[in-house]
Amino acid sequence: MSPQVFYQKWRPQTLAEVVGQQHITQTLSNALATDRVAHAYLFCGPRGTGKTSTGRVLAKAVNCLENGKGEPCNTCQICIGINEGRNLDLIEIDAASHTGVDDIRKLRENVNYSPDLARFKVYIIDEVHMLSDSAFNALLKTLEEPPPHVIFVLATTEIHKIPPTILSRCQRFDFRRISLGDIIGRLEGICQSEGIEADGQALGLIGKAATGSLRDAENLLERLTISHSSKITMENAQELLGITGDERASQMVKYILTKDVTAGITTINAVAGEGLDMRQFTKEIVEYLRGTLMIKVGSVKTLDLDKSTIEEMKQIANQSSAEEILEAIKLFGKVNLRPETQSTIPIELAIVEFSLPKAVPVKVARPTNKPEPSAKKSQAPKPVKPKQTQPKAETTTQSTSKPVETTPPVEATTESKTISAKEPIKTTPIIEPTAKEETPIHKAQPIPDDATTIPLSERNLAFFQQHWKSVVQNLKGVGSTGNLDALLRSACDPIALEDNTIVLGFYYPFHKEKIEDPKYQRFVEQAISKVFGAEYKVRCELTPREQKKQKLLDVALGMGAEIISDEQGGNQ
């Protein structure tokens, strides 16, 4: 007989040996003791958590010749036959290879036959979610009213694929991922029985790599045993699992949080040059950052690390804020090394991006119709001082439309006073301009961060041009490739406003056709409506840069702006 692999050799033989599922084994033990075993069970949960093994133990327990109302004895003819896989009353079906309705019809015919030696025929259907809809329908009636000598155990890793009609006819038990402590305890028991000398840290690495699956952990332990005989060290586990265990991971965290770009990039290239797995090295960086964050927020108990590592993390945490550590975790957690696992470019870009200074948003005041006194003085032309000689009536009449000195001269004649009484001179130095006349198009009024506070009647083209960056920022990550914001930032600008339609001028046909796609046009219109708090449509035009410049100039002139200088700096 060929030797069994570990996960088969050390499969649980009683309910008490099932690891990490006490909430299930206790319920089944009570059902066996009170003779209240159900006709159909549904075991669901992650792989390697004991679903099929529990079904086999249940089959032995209900048919055990020594007990029959508790744990199986594993010594009677029935228990030994099930353990050795030769008992005909335990039928295990792989639903992945028997998905059709014909397979279930054959099962329905066979369930009517009485058991061979046992009291119950137990059907264990593994990966039951793989059955077709017609197969589920064929199984439905049998599950609802099975023969008294049949028990069904359905096992699945994808409970959401099971029809509700099947769920309602079974007792459901949810298997949980096995904790790290339970996995390590089980591995230590196996090592003791097999005469394997294993380092505790090596077993801890195996348990973490198994991610809650005891079967995976047992397989990894067997691979290490085959590779390194009966002595397993921390280095052996790291080599098998591809873990670098390199101290440079902690150094990289220091370089990242202190924004030492040169040292960080040098270290990354040194690690890649030695042939270490860059994906695993990046994962270790993120794990180290996560430990630093847990220490920063006061959750040291969640870390299963040695004291020296925790002290080192505390020193790093004291030099950085929680916001910086969190940002680093998010940034390096998104590093994608799948296309080329040994490429250093994604990690290098992440280091540089984290080190760049962050833009601080600046809030500006809402514009008012009344200009500031300083601005009024700088924009108003100097008043013309009238001559001190006696003015004529015609001259006085024309001077009413020109700025004059508000204080009359001291040496005014009697005749000039008479003329002033008949046609008084305005004391205002200049006619008060409107809001549009006061601010030309090339110096638009400052817009507040919340553009929805501006009334619709006060919104013009300058308003949308100055606030266009907010629309672009709202499109970050939108689109099939997530770069719709980059396309709009470099390819177009608002050039006209037609009622509730914003006209976008594009420099090149490619970008214009892209945005005219109904899907992308809808994205842009939704972002505009979100920023400005009103529904706006978008129309695209192909506008070369020179033509766009002239069109903007025409719009500005039509709004009352004046040309104060040409491109060469000449005044007009």
Protein backbone atom coordinates (compact mmCIF):
# COMPACT_ATOMS: atom_id res chain seq x y z
CA MET A 1 0.00 0.00 0.00
CA SER A 2 1.40 3.39 -1.01
CA PRO A 3 1.98 5.87 1.83
CA GLN A 4 -0.78 8.41 2.41
CA VAL A 5 -0.21 12.13 2.14
CA PHE A 6 -0.46 14.11 5.35
CA TYR A 7 -3.91 15.60 4.81
CA GLN A 8 -5.36 12.11 4.23
CA LYS A 9 -3.34 10.39 6.93
CA TRP A 10 -4.23 12.99 9.55
CA ARG A 11 -7.85 13.49 8.54
CA PRO A 12 -10.13 13.82 11.61
CA GLN A 13 -11.61 10.48 12.69
CA THR A 14 -13.96 11.85 15.34
CA LEU A 15 -15.91 15.08 15.82
CA ALA A 16 -13.55 16.08 18.62
CA GLU A 17 -10.61 15.99 16.18
CA VAL A 18 -12.19 18.48 13.77
CA VAL A 19 -10.10 21.63 14.21
CA GLY A 20 -11.60 25.07 14.70
CA GLN A 21 -15.29 24.18 14.11
CA GLN A 22 -16.56 23.66 17.65
CA HIS A 23 -19.83 25.48 16.90
CA ILE A 24 -20.64 22.74 14.35
CA THR A 25 -19.25 19.64 16.06
CA GLN A 26 -21.09 20.46 19.30
CA THR A 27 -24.42 20.70 17.48
CA LEU A 28 -23.85 17.42 15.65
CA SER A 29 -22.81 15.68 18.86
CA ASN A 30 -26.05 16.78 20.53
CA ALA A 31 -28.09 15.60 17.53
CA LEU A 32 -26.42 12.18 17.67
CA ALA A 33 -26.92 11.88 21.43
CA THR A 34 -30.65 12.70 21.19
CA ASP A 35 -31.21 10.71 17.97
CA ARG A 36 -32.30 13.84 16.08
CA VAL A 37 -30.08 13.58 13.02
CA ALA A 38 -31.53 15.45 10.03
CA HIS A 39 -32.05 13.87 6.62
CA ALA A 40 -30.08 16.60 4.75
CA TYR A 41 -27.16 18.82 5.75
CA LEU A 42 -25.50 21.63 3.84
CA PHE A 43 -21.87 22.31 4.80
CA CYS A 44 -20.49 25.56 3.34
CA GLY A 45 -17.25 27.43 3.84
CA PRO A 46 -13.69 27.97 2.53
CA ARG A 47 -11.59 25.11 1.22
CA GLY A 48 -9.67 22.92 3.62
CA THR A 49 -11.79 23.69 6.68
CA GLY A 50 -13.18 20.16 7.25
CA LYS A 51 -16.49 19.98 5.39
CA THR A 52 -16.01 16.58 3.73
CA SER A 53 -14.16 15.18 6.76
CA THR A 54 -17.06 16.13 9.03
CA GLY A 55 -19.46 14.40 6.63
CA ARG A 56 -17.41 11.20 6.81
CA VAL A 57 -17.31 11.34 10.62
CA LEU A 58 -21.08 11.84 10.67
CA ALA A 59 -21.53 8.80 8.39
CA LYS A 60 -19.49 6.67 10.81
CA ALA A 61 -21.26 8.04 13.88
CA VAL A 62 -24.81 7.24 12.71
CA ASN A 63 -23.80 3.72 11.60
CA CYS A 64 -21.32 2.77 14.34
CA LEU A 65 -22.10 -0.74 15.66
CA GLU A 66 -20.64 0.02 19.10
CA ASN A 67 -22.40 3.30 19.81
CA GLY A 68 -24.57 4.89 17.10
CA LYS A 69 -25.48 7.85 19.30
CA GLY A 70 -22.19 9.68 19.73
CA GLU A 71 -18.59 9.59 18.58
CA PRO A 72 -17.66 6.69 16.26
CA CYS A 73 -15.54 3.96 17.81
CA ASN A 74 -13.29 3.51 14.73
CA THR A 75 -12.90 -0.16 15.65
CA CYS A 76 -16.09 -1.81 14.41
CA GLN A 77 -16.59 -3.21 10.91
CA ILE A 78 -18.55 -0.18 9.69
CA CYS A 79 -16.06 2.43 10.99
CA ILE A 80 -13.04 0.54 9.62
CA GLY A 81 -14.73 0.09 6.25
CA ILE A 82 -15.47 3.83 5.97
CA ASN A 83 -11.92 4.75 7.09
CA GLU A 84 -10.47 2.45 4.43
CA GLY A 85 -12.87 3.67 1.73
CA ARG A 86 -14.51 0.29 1.02
CA ASN A 87 -17.90 0.70 2.64
CA LEU A 88 -20.63 0.67 0.00
CA ASP A 89 -23.10 2.59 2.16
CA LEU A 90 -21.01 5.79 2.01
CA ILE A 91 -21.28 7.27 -1.48
CA GLU A 92 -19.13 10.32 -2.27
CA ILE A 93 -20.04 12.16 -5.48
CA ASP A 94 -18.02 14.92 -7.10
CA ALA A 95 -20.63 17.31 -8.47
CA ALA A 96 -18.01 19.02 -10.65
CA SER A 97 -17.82 15.90 -12.85
CA HIS A 98 -21.47 14.83 -12.43
CA THR A 99 -23.31 18.03 -13.25
CA GLY A 100 -26.02 16.69 -15.54
CA VAL A 101 -29.61 15.79 -14.81
CA ASP A 102 -28.98 12.17 -15.85
CA ASP A 103 -26.50 11.73 -12.99
CA ILE A 104 -29.06 12.97 -10.46
CA ARG A 105 -31.79 10.76 -11.95
CA LYS A 106 -29.50 7.77 -11.49
CA LEU A 107 -28.91 8.87 -7.89
CA ARG A 108 -32.68 9.08 -7.30
CA GLU A 109 -33.08 5.51 -8.50
CA ASN A 110 -30.30 4.21 -6.25
CA VAL A 111 -31.49 5.89 -3.05
CA ASN A 112 -34.50 3.58 -2.97
CA TYR A 113 -32.28 0.53 -2.41
CA SER A 114 -31.67 -0.45 1.20
CA PRO A 115 -28.20 -0.14 2.76
CA ASP A 116 -25.80 -3.05 2.43
CA LEU A 117 -24.51 -3.37 6.03
CA ALA A 118 -25.16 -0.05 7.73
CA ARG A 119 -28.39 1.47 9.04
CA PHE A 120 -28.14 4.54 6.76
CA LYS A 121 -26.86 5.21 3.30
CA VAL A 122 -24.97 8.52 3.42
CA TYR A 123 -24.52 10.54 0.21
CA ILE A 124 -21.78 13.19 0.32
CA ILE A 125 -22.08 15.48 -2.72
CA ASP A 126 -18.96 17.67 -2.89
CA GLU A 127 -18.94 21.02 -4.72
CA VAL A 128 -22.71 20.77 -5.08
CA HIS A 129 -22.89 24.31 -6.52
CA MET A 130 -21.57 22.88 -9.82
CA LEU A 131 -24.86 21.09 -10.55
CA SER A 132 -26.97 22.44 -13.39
CA ASP A 133 -30.39 23.98 -12.80
CA SER A 134 -32.12 20.89 -14.16
CA ALA A 135 -30.03 18.68 -11.89
CA PHE A 136 -30.99 20.78 -8.87
CA ASN A 137 -34.66 20.47 -9.84
CA ALA A 138 -34.30 16.71 -10.13
CA LEU A 139 -32.69 16.53 -6.67
CA LEU A 140 -35.30 18.77 -5.06
CA LYS A 141 -38.03 16.20 -4.41
CA THR A 142 -35.58 13.62 -3.08
CA LEU A 143 -34.13 16.15 -0.63
CA GLU A 144 -37.59 17.10 0.57
CA GLU A 145 -38.84 13.55 1.20
CA PRO A 146 -35.92 11.12 1.09
CA PRO A 147 -36.31 7.46 2.07
CA PRO A 148 -35.91 6.93 5.83
CA HIS A 149 -32.61 5.10 5.37
CA VAL A 150 -30.84 7.96 3.45
CA ILE A 151 -28.89 10.99 4.72
CA PHE A 152 -27.58 13.68 2.38
CA VAL A 153 -24.52 15.83 3.09
CA LEU A 154 -24.01 18.63 0.55
CA ALA A 155 -20.69 20.49 0.61
CA THR A 156 -19.86 23.73 -1.21
CA THR A 157 -17.42 26.63 -1.20
CA GLU A 158 -19.85 28.97 -3.00
CA ILE A 159 -23.07 29.07 -1.05
CA HIS A 160 -24.46 31.95 -3.13
CA LYS A 161 -24.83 29.59 -6.11
CA ILE A 162 -27.18 27.22 -4.27
CA PRO A 163 -30.88 27.73 -5.17
CA PRO A 164 -33.09 28.87 -2.27
CA THR A 165 -35.30 25.82 -2.78
CA ILE A 166 -32.35 23.57 -1.93
CA LEU A 167 -31.29 25.72 1.02
CA SER A 168 -34.76 25.52 2.56
CA ARG A 169 -34.63 21.70 2.64
CA CYS A 170 -31.26 21.37 4.41
CA GLN A 171 -29.77 22.18 7.79
CA ARG A 172 -27.04 24.69 6.98
CA PHE A 173 -23.69 24.83 8.79
CA ASP A 174 -21.12 27.53 7.98
CA PHE A 175 -17.51 26.44 8.38
CA ARG A 176 -15.09 29.21 9.33
CA ARG A 177 -11.49 29.77 8.37
CA ILE A 178 -9.28 28.10 10.94
CA SER A 179 -7.36 30.45 13.22
CA LEU A 180 -3.57 30.67 13.06
CA GLY A 181 -3.23 29.31 16.60
CA ASP A 182 -5.34 26.22 15.82
CA ILE A 183 -3.35 25.52 12.64
CA ILE A 184 -0.01 25.80 14.44
CA GLY A 185 -1.27 23.54 17.23
CA ARG A 186 -2.35 20.90 14.72
CA LEU A 187 0.96 21.09 12.86
CA GLU A 188 2.88 20.71 16.12
CA GLY A 189 0.89 17.54 16.90
CA ILE A 190 1.65 16.11 13.45
CA CYS A 191 5.35 16.91 13.79
CA GLN A 192 5.48 15.23 17.19
CA SER A 193 3.80 12.08 15.86
CA GLU A 194 5.94 11.98 12.71
CA GLY A 195 9.20 12.66 14.53
CA ILE A 196 9.77 15.98 12.73
CA GLU A 197 11.89 18.67 14.38
CA ALA A 198 10.32 21.95 13.28
CA ASP A 199 11.09 25.53 14.28
CA GLY A 200 8.11 27.33 15.81
CA GLN A 201 8.64 30.35 13.55
CA ALA A 202 8.66 28.05 10.50
CA LEU A 203 5.29 26.60 11.52
CA GLY A 204 4.02 30.15 12.00
CA LEU A 205 5.00 31.04 8.43
CA ILE A 206 3.26 27.91 7.15
CA GLY A 207 0.12 28.80 9.07
CA LYS A 208 0.06 32.34 7.68
CA ALA A 209 0.62 31.10 4.11
CA ALA A 210 -2.28 28.64 4.46
CA THR A 211 -4.76 31.54 5.04
CA GLY A 212 -7.11 29.51 7.23
CA SER A 213 -6.97 26.21 5.30
CA LEU A 214 -5.66 23.32 7.39
CA ARG A 215 -5.32 21.09 4.33
CA ASP A 216 -3.04 23.64 2.66
CA ALA A 217 -0.95 23.88 5.82
CA GLU A 218 -0.55 20.09 6.00
CA ASN A 219 0.50 20.00 2.34
CA LEU A 220 3.13 22.70 2.92
CA LEU A 221 4.46 20.84 5.95
CA GLU A 222 4.79 17.65 3.92
CA ARG A 223 6.66 19.46 1.14
CA LEU A 224 9.13 20.82 3.67
CA THR A 225 9.55 17.39 5.20
CA ILE A 226 10.31 15.85 1.81
CA SER A 227 12.77 18.63 0.93
CA HIS A 228 14.62 18.89 4.25
CA SER A 229 14.05 15.51 5.91
CA SER A 230 13.03 15.64 9.57
CA LYS A 231 14.47 19.06 10.47
CA ILE A 232 12.71 22.22 9.35
CA THR A 233 14.12 25.70 10.00
CA MET A 234 12.88 29.22 9.46
CA GLU A 235 15.14 29.58 6.41
CA ASN A 236 13.68 26.40 4.87
CA ALA A 237 10.14 27.76 5.21
CA GLN A 238 11.12 31.13 3.74
CA GLU A 239 12.75 29.44 0.75
CA LEU A 240 9.73 27.23 0.10
CA LEU A 241 7.19 30.03 0.43
CA GLY A 242 9.26 32.54 -1.56
CA ILE A 243 9.51 34.88 1.44
CA THR A 244 12.65 37.00 1.25
CA GLY A 245 12.90 37.57 4.99
CA ASP A 246 15.20 40.39 4.02
CA GLU A 247 15.94 43.11 6.57
CA ARG A 248 15.84 45.58 3.71
CA ALA A 249 12.03 45.46 3.88
CA SER A 250 12.18 47.34 7.20
CA GLN A 251 14.84 49.67 5.77
CA MET A 252 12.57 50.41 2.82
CA VAL A 253 9.79 51.42 5.19
CA LYS A 254 12.16 53.93 6.84
CA TYR A 255 13.19 55.32 3.45
CA ILE A 256 9.55 55.60 2.34
CA LEU A 257 8.28 57.40 5.44
CA THR A 258 11.32 59.73 5.56
CA LYS A 259 10.93 60.32 1.79
CA ASP A 260 14.52 59.35 1.05
CA VAL A 261 13.97 58.63 -2.65
CA THR A 262 17.61 57.99 -3.54
CA ALA A 263 18.17 55.36 -0.84
CA GLY A 264 14.80 53.73 -1.55
CA ILE A 265 15.39 53.31 -5.29
CA THR A 266 18.93 52.05 -4.66
CA THR A 267 17.63 49.40 -2.26
CA ILE A 268 14.89 48.29 -4.64
CA ASN A 269 17.34 47.79 -7.49
CA ALA A 270 19.75 45.91 -5.21
CA VAL A 271 16.97 43.50 -4.18
CA ALA A 272 15.93 42.97 -7.80
CA GLY A 273 19.55 42.44 -8.83
CA GLU A 274 19.85 39.54 -6.38
CA GLY A 275 16.92 37.78 -8.02
CA LEU A 276 14.49 38.02 -5.09
CA ASP A 277 10.76 37.88 -5.81
CA MET A 278 9.70 41.53 -6.13
CA ARG A 279 6.03 40.74 -5.53
CA GLN A 280 6.85 39.05 -2.24
CA PHE A 281 9.24 41.84 -1.26
CA THR A 282 6.52 44.45 -1.93
CA LYS A 283 4.08 42.39 0.13
CA GLU A 284 6.55 42.37 3.03
CA ILE A 285 6.87 46.16 2.79
CA VAL A 286 3.09 46.53 3.04
CA GLU A 287 2.95 44.09 5.97
CA TYR A 288 5.65 46.07 7.78
CA LEU A 289 3.78 49.31 7.12
CA ARG A 290 0.62 47.70 8.45
CA GLY A 291 2.42 46.69 11.65
CA THR A 292 3.71 50.23 12.04
CA LEU A 293 0.18 51.58 11.65
CA MET A 294 -1.20 49.15 14.25
CA ILE A 295 1.42 50.36 16.72
CA LYS A 296 0.63 53.99 15.88
CA VAL A 297 -3.08 53.51 16.65
CA GLY A 298 -2.39 51.47 19.81
CA SER A 299 -3.25 47.96 18.53
CA VAL A 300 0.02 46.18 19.34
CA LYS A 301 -1.82 43.06 20.54
CA THR A 302 -2.94 42.28 16.99
CA LEU A 303 0.69 41.75 15.91
CA ASP A 304 2.28 38.30 16.19
CA LEU A 305 5.89 39.54 16.10
CA ASP A 306 8.99 39.29 18.27
CA LYS A 307 9.89 42.08 20.69
CA SER A 308 12.83 43.40 18.69
CA THR A 309 10.69 43.86 15.57
CA ILE A 310 7.96 45.61 17.57
CA GLU A 311 10.50 47.98 19.13
CA GLU A 312 11.88 48.80 15.70
CA MET A 313 8.36 49.50 14.42
CA LYS A 314 7.69 51.76 17.41
CA GLN A 315 10.71 53.91 16.54
CA ILE A 316 9.47 54.32 12.96
CA ALA A 317 5.90 55.01 14.11
CA ASN A 318 7.07 57.78 16.46
CA GLN A 319 8.67 59.61 13.52
CA SER A 320 5.59 59.54 11.26
CA SER A 321 1.92 60.42 11.47
CA ALA A 322 -0.90 57.91 11.08
CA GLU A 323 -2.06 59.74 7.94
CA GLU A 324 1.34 59.29 6.26
CA ILE A 325 1.54 55.59 7.14
CA LEU A 326 -2.01 55.00 5.91
CA GLU A 327 -1.27 56.79 2.63
CA ALA A 328 1.86 54.66 2.13
CA ILE A 329 -0.10 51.43 2.72
CA LYS A 330 -2.72 52.43 0.15
CA LEU A 331 -0.12 53.47 -2.41
CA PHE A 332 2.17 50.42 -2.15
CA GLY A 333 -0.78 48.05 -1.77
CA LYS A 334 -1.87 49.06 -5.29
CA VAL A 335 1.52 48.33 -6.89
CA ASN A 336 0.83 45.93 -9.76
CA LEU A 337 3.71 43.60 -10.64
CA ARG A 338 1.70 40.98 -12.52
CA PRO A 339 2.72 41.90 -16.10
CA GLU A 340 6.44 41.66 -15.28
CA THR A 341 7.21 40.31 -11.83
CA GLN A 342 10.85 41.44 -11.72
CA SER A 343 10.27 44.98 -12.96
CA THR A 344 11.23 47.69 -10.48
CA ILE A 345 9.38 50.50 -12.26
CA PRO A 346 6.02 50.24 -10.37
CA ILE A 347 7.74 50.32 -6.98
CA GLU A 348 10.05 53.15 -8.01
CA LEU A 349 7.08 55.21 -9.19
CA ALA A 350 5.30 54.58 -5.89
CA ILE A 351 8.35 55.81 -3.93
CA VAL A 352 8.61 58.99 -6.00
CA GLU A 353 4.85 59.65 -5.89
CA PHE A 354 4.76 59.34 -2.10
CA SER A 355 7.69 61.75 -1.79
CA LEU A 356 6.14 64.49 -3.93
CA PRO A 357 4.74 67.49 -2.02
CA LYS A 358 0.98 67.42 -1.65
CA ALA A 359 -1.01 70.32 -3.10
CA VAL A 360 -2.85 72.28 -0.43
CA PRO A 361 -6.29 73.50 -1.56
CA VAL A 362 -6.66 77.27 -1.29
CA LYS A 363 -10.09 78.72 -0.57
CA VAL A 364 -10.91 82.06 -2.14
CA ALA A 365 -13.61 84.51 -1.16
CA ARG A 366 -16.85 84.80 -3.08
CA PRO A 367 -16.87 87.77 -5.45
CA THR A 368 -19.09 90.77 -4.77
CA ASN A 369 -20.50 93.45 -7.04
CA LYS A 370 -18.71 96.17 -5.07
CA PRO A 371 -15.00 96.24 -5.88
CA GLU A 372 -12.38 96.60 -3.18
CA PRO A 373 -11.23 100.21 -2.55
CA SER A 374 -7.66 99.37 -3.52
CA ALA A 375 -8.78 97.77 -6.76
CA LYS A 376 -10.98 100.76 -7.55
CA LYS A 377 -8.10 103.13 -7.15
CA SER A 378 -5.78 101.05 -9.29
CA GLN A 379 -8.30 100.65 -12.11
CA ALA A 380 -9.74 104.18 -12.20
CA PRO A 381 -7.87 106.72 -14.35
CA LYS A 382 -6.56 109.85 -12.72
CA PRO A 383 -9.10 112.73 -12.73
CA VAL A 384 -8.42 115.68 -14.99
CA LYS A 385 -7.86 118.90 -13.06
CA PRO A 386 -9.80 121.79 -14.63
CA LYS A 387 -8.08 125.01 -15.55
CA GLN A 388 -8.34 127.82 -13.05
CA THR A 389 -9.38 130.30 -15.74
CA GLN A 390 -13.02 131.15 -16.21
CA PRO A 391 -14.67 128.26 -18.18
CA LYS A 392 -17.22 128.66 -20.93
CA ALA A 393 -20.68 127.14 -20.77
CA GLU A 394 -20.03 124.69 -23.65
CA THR A 395 -16.83 123.50 -22.00
CA THR A 396 -18.67 122.95 -18.74
CA THR A 397 -21.37 120.91 -20.48
CA GLN A 398 -18.86 118.57 -22.10
CA SER A 399 -16.90 118.10 -18.92
CA THR A 400 -19.81 116.30 -17.25
CA SER A 401 -18.89 113.07 -19.10
CA LYS A 402 -15.20 113.31 -18.16
CA PRO A 403 -13.63 112.77 -14.76
CA VAL A 404 -13.11 116.07 -12.90
CA GLU A 405 -11.67 117.15 -9.60
CA THR A 406 -14.19 116.56 -6.84
CA THR A 407 -13.02 119.66 -4.88
CA PRO A 408 -13.46 122.96 -6.78
CA PRO A 409 -10.41 125.21 -7.04
CA VAL A 410 -9.98 127.85 -4.37
CA GLU A 411 -9.68 130.79 -6.78
CA ALA A 412 -12.99 130.23 -8.61
CA THR A 413 -14.70 133.29 -10.12
CA THR A 414 -18.27 134.37 -9.53
CA GLU A 415 -19.24 133.50 -13.09
CA SER A 416 -18.02 129.95 -12.76
CA LYS A 417 -20.18 129.51 -9.66
CA THR A 418 -23.22 130.73 -11.62
CA ILE A 419 -22.61 128.23 -14.40
CA SER A 420 -22.18 125.44 -11.81
CA ALA A 421 -25.56 126.29 -10.31
CA LYS A 422 -27.30 125.98 -13.66
CA GLU A 423 -25.49 122.79 -14.76
CA PRO A 424 -24.01 121.10 -11.71
CA ILE A 425 -20.84 119.07 -12.19
CA LYS A 426 -20.95 115.44 -11.06
CA THR A 427 -18.75 114.74 -8.04
CA THR A 428 -18.16 111.06 -8.99
CA PRO A 429 -14.65 110.78 -10.48
CA ILE A 430 -15.67 107.99 -12.91
CA ILE A 431 -18.83 106.19 -13.94
CA GLU A 432 -19.27 103.04 -11.79
CA PRO A 433 -18.64 100.00 -14.04
CA THR A 434 -20.72 96.86 -13.92
CA ALA A 435 -19.28 93.57 -12.66
CA LYS A 436 -18.58 92.34 -16.20
CA GLU A 437 -16.92 95.61 -17.24
CA GLU A 438 -14.81 95.74 -14.12
CA THR A 439 -13.23 92.31 -14.65
CA PRO A 440 -12.02 91.43 -18.18
CA ILE A 441 -12.10 87.84 -19.44
CA HIS A 442 -8.36 87.26 -18.89
CA LYS A 443 -8.80 88.00 -15.15
CA ALA A 444 -11.97 86.15 -14.15
CA GLN A 445 -13.56 86.66 -10.77
CA PRO A 446 -12.38 84.11 -8.14
CA ILE A 447 -14.79 81.21 -7.77
CA PRO A 448 -15.46 79.54 -4.38
CA ASP A 449 -14.80 75.81 -3.89
CA ASP A 450 -18.53 75.05 -3.76
CA ALA A 451 -19.63 76.17 -7.21
CA THR A 452 -23.25 75.27 -6.46
CA THR A 453 -23.57 78.42 -4.31
CA ILE A 454 -23.30 80.72 -7.35
CA PRO A 455 -26.77 81.68 -8.70
CA LEU A 456 -27.55 80.48 -12.23
CA SER A 457 -28.05 84.06 -13.40
CA GLU A 458 -24.46 84.96 -12.52
CA ARG A 459 -22.85 82.04 -14.36
CA ASN A 460 -21.01 82.90 -17.54
CA LEU A 461 -18.29 81.34 -19.65
CA ALA A 462 -15.56 82.70 -17.38
CA PHE A 463 -17.23 80.95 -14.43
CA PHE A 464 -17.07 77.54 -16.13
CA GLN A 465 -13.54 78.09 -17.45
CA GLN A 466 -12.13 78.91 -14.04
CA HIS A 467 -13.93 76.00 -12.34
CA TRP A 468 -13.25 73.44 -15.11
CA LYS A 469 -10.43 71.82 -13.06
CA SER A 470 -13.00 70.69 -10.48
CA VAL A 471 -14.91 68.84 -13.20
CA VAL A 472 -11.72 67.15 -14.40
CA GLN A 473 -10.82 66.07 -10.85
CA ASN A 474 -14.25 64.50 -10.42
CA LEU A 475 -13.51 62.28 -13.45
CA LYS A 476 -10.39 60.74 -11.91
CA GLY A 477 -10.56 56.95 -12.16
CA VAL A 478 -13.60 57.06 -14.48
CA GLY A 479 -13.69 55.21 -17.79
CA SER A 480 -12.60 51.78 -18.95
CA THR A 481 -8.94 52.62 -18.27
CA GLY A 482 -9.58 55.11 -15.47
CA ASN A 483 -7.82 58.01 -17.23
CA LEU A 484 -10.74 60.09 -18.49
CA ASP A 485 -9.53 63.00 -16.36
CA ALA A 486 -6.11 63.00 -18.05
CA LEU A 487 -7.73 63.08 -21.49
CA LEU A 488 -9.87 66.11 -20.67
CA ARG A 489 -7.08 67.94 -18.85
CA SER A 490 -4.81 68.02 -21.89
CA ALA A 491 -7.21 67.96 -24.81
CA CYS A 492 -9.97 70.53 -24.41
CA ASP A 493 -11.36 73.64 -22.70
CA PRO A 494 -14.83 75.22 -22.43
CA ILE A 495 -15.12 77.74 -25.30
CA ALA A 496 -18.80 78.72 -25.27
CA LEU A 497 -21.98 78.59 -23.18
CA GLU A 498 -25.31 78.10 -24.96
CA ASP A 499 -28.18 78.13 -22.45
CA ASN A 500 -27.61 74.89 -20.51
CA THR A 501 -25.08 73.47 -22.99
CA ILE A 502 -21.32 73.80 -22.49
CA VAL A 503 -19.32 73.73 -25.73
CA LEU A 504 -15.95 72.00 -25.40
CA GLY A 505 -13.23 72.86 -27.91
CA PHE A 506 -10.91 69.95 -28.74
CA TYR A 507 -7.50 70.30 -30.36
CA TYR A 508 -7.46 66.89 -32.08
CA PRO A 509 -10.17 64.69 -33.68
CA PHE A 510 -9.23 61.62 -31.61
CA HIS A 511 -10.11 63.23 -28.27
CA LYS A 512 -13.27 64.80 -29.68
CA GLU A 513 -14.57 61.45 -30.99
CA LYS A 514 -13.72 59.80 -27.69
CA ILE A 515 -15.85 62.18 -25.64
CA GLU A 516 -18.67 62.08 -28.20
CA ASP A 517 -19.10 58.41 -27.36
CA PRO A 518 -22.44 58.38 -25.45
CA LYS A 519 -20.90 56.51 -22.52
CA TYR A 520 -18.06 58.97 -21.97
CA GLN A 521 -20.26 62.01 -22.74
CA ARG A 522 -22.63 60.85 -19.99
CA PHE A 523 -19.71 60.60 -17.54
CA VAL A 524 -18.66 64.18 -18.34
CA GLU A 525 -22.22 65.54 -18.02
CA GLN A 526 -22.66 63.78 -14.67
CA ALA A 527 -19.42 65.30 -13.35
CA ILE A 528 -20.47 68.79 -14.54
CA SER A 529 -23.86 68.46 -12.87
CA LYS A 530 -22.21 67.28 -9.64
CA VAL A 531 -19.77 70.21 -9.50
CA PHE A 532 -22.20 72.97 -10.51
CA GLY A 533 -25.38 71.59 -8.92
CA ALA A 534 -27.45 71.85 -12.11
CA GLU A 535 -28.08 69.82 -15.25
CA TYR A 536 -25.82 70.76 -18.17
CA LYS A 537 -25.32 69.17 -21.58
CA VAL A 538 -22.04 68.88 -23.48
CA ARG A 539 -21.37 69.56 -27.16
CA CYS A 540 -17.96 68.93 -28.72
CA GLU A 541 -16.27 71.01 -31.41
CA LEU A 542 -12.94 70.59 -33.15
CA THR A 543 -11.10 73.85 -32.47
CA PRO A 544 -7.41 74.18 -33.37
CA ARG A 545 -5.43 76.23 -30.88
CA GLU A 546 -5.30 79.44 -32.99
CA GLN A 547 -8.98 79.23 -33.85
CA LYS A 548 -9.82 78.52 -30.19
CA LYS A 549 -7.82 81.56 -29.10
CA GLN A 550 -9.64 83.84 -31.53
CA LYS A 551 -13.03 82.44 -30.49
CA LEU A 552 -12.30 83.07 -26.82
CA LEU A 553 -11.23 86.61 -27.72
CA ASP A 554 -14.49 87.23 -29.62
CA VAL A 555 -16.50 85.96 -26.66
CA ALA A 556 -14.58 88.22 -24.30
CA LEU A 557 -15.09 91.28 -26.50
CA GLY A 558 -18.78 90.49 -26.77
CA MET A 559 -19.03 90.50 -22.98
CA GLY A 560 -17.62 94.03 -22.75
CA ALA A 561 -13.89 93.33 -22.34
CA GLU A 562 -11.28 95.63 -23.86
CA ILE A 563 -7.94 94.79 -25.44
CA ILE A 564 -5.29 96.50 -23.32
CA SER A 565 -2.21 95.05 -25.07
CA ASP A 566 -1.31 92.92 -28.06
CA GLU A 567 0.95 89.83 -28.10
CA GLN A 568 4.05 91.98 -28.58
CA GLY A 569 3.15 94.05 -25.55
CA GLY A 570 2.02 97.15 -27.46
CA ASN A 571 -0.71 99.19 -25.79
CA GLN A 572 -3.96 100.04 -27.57
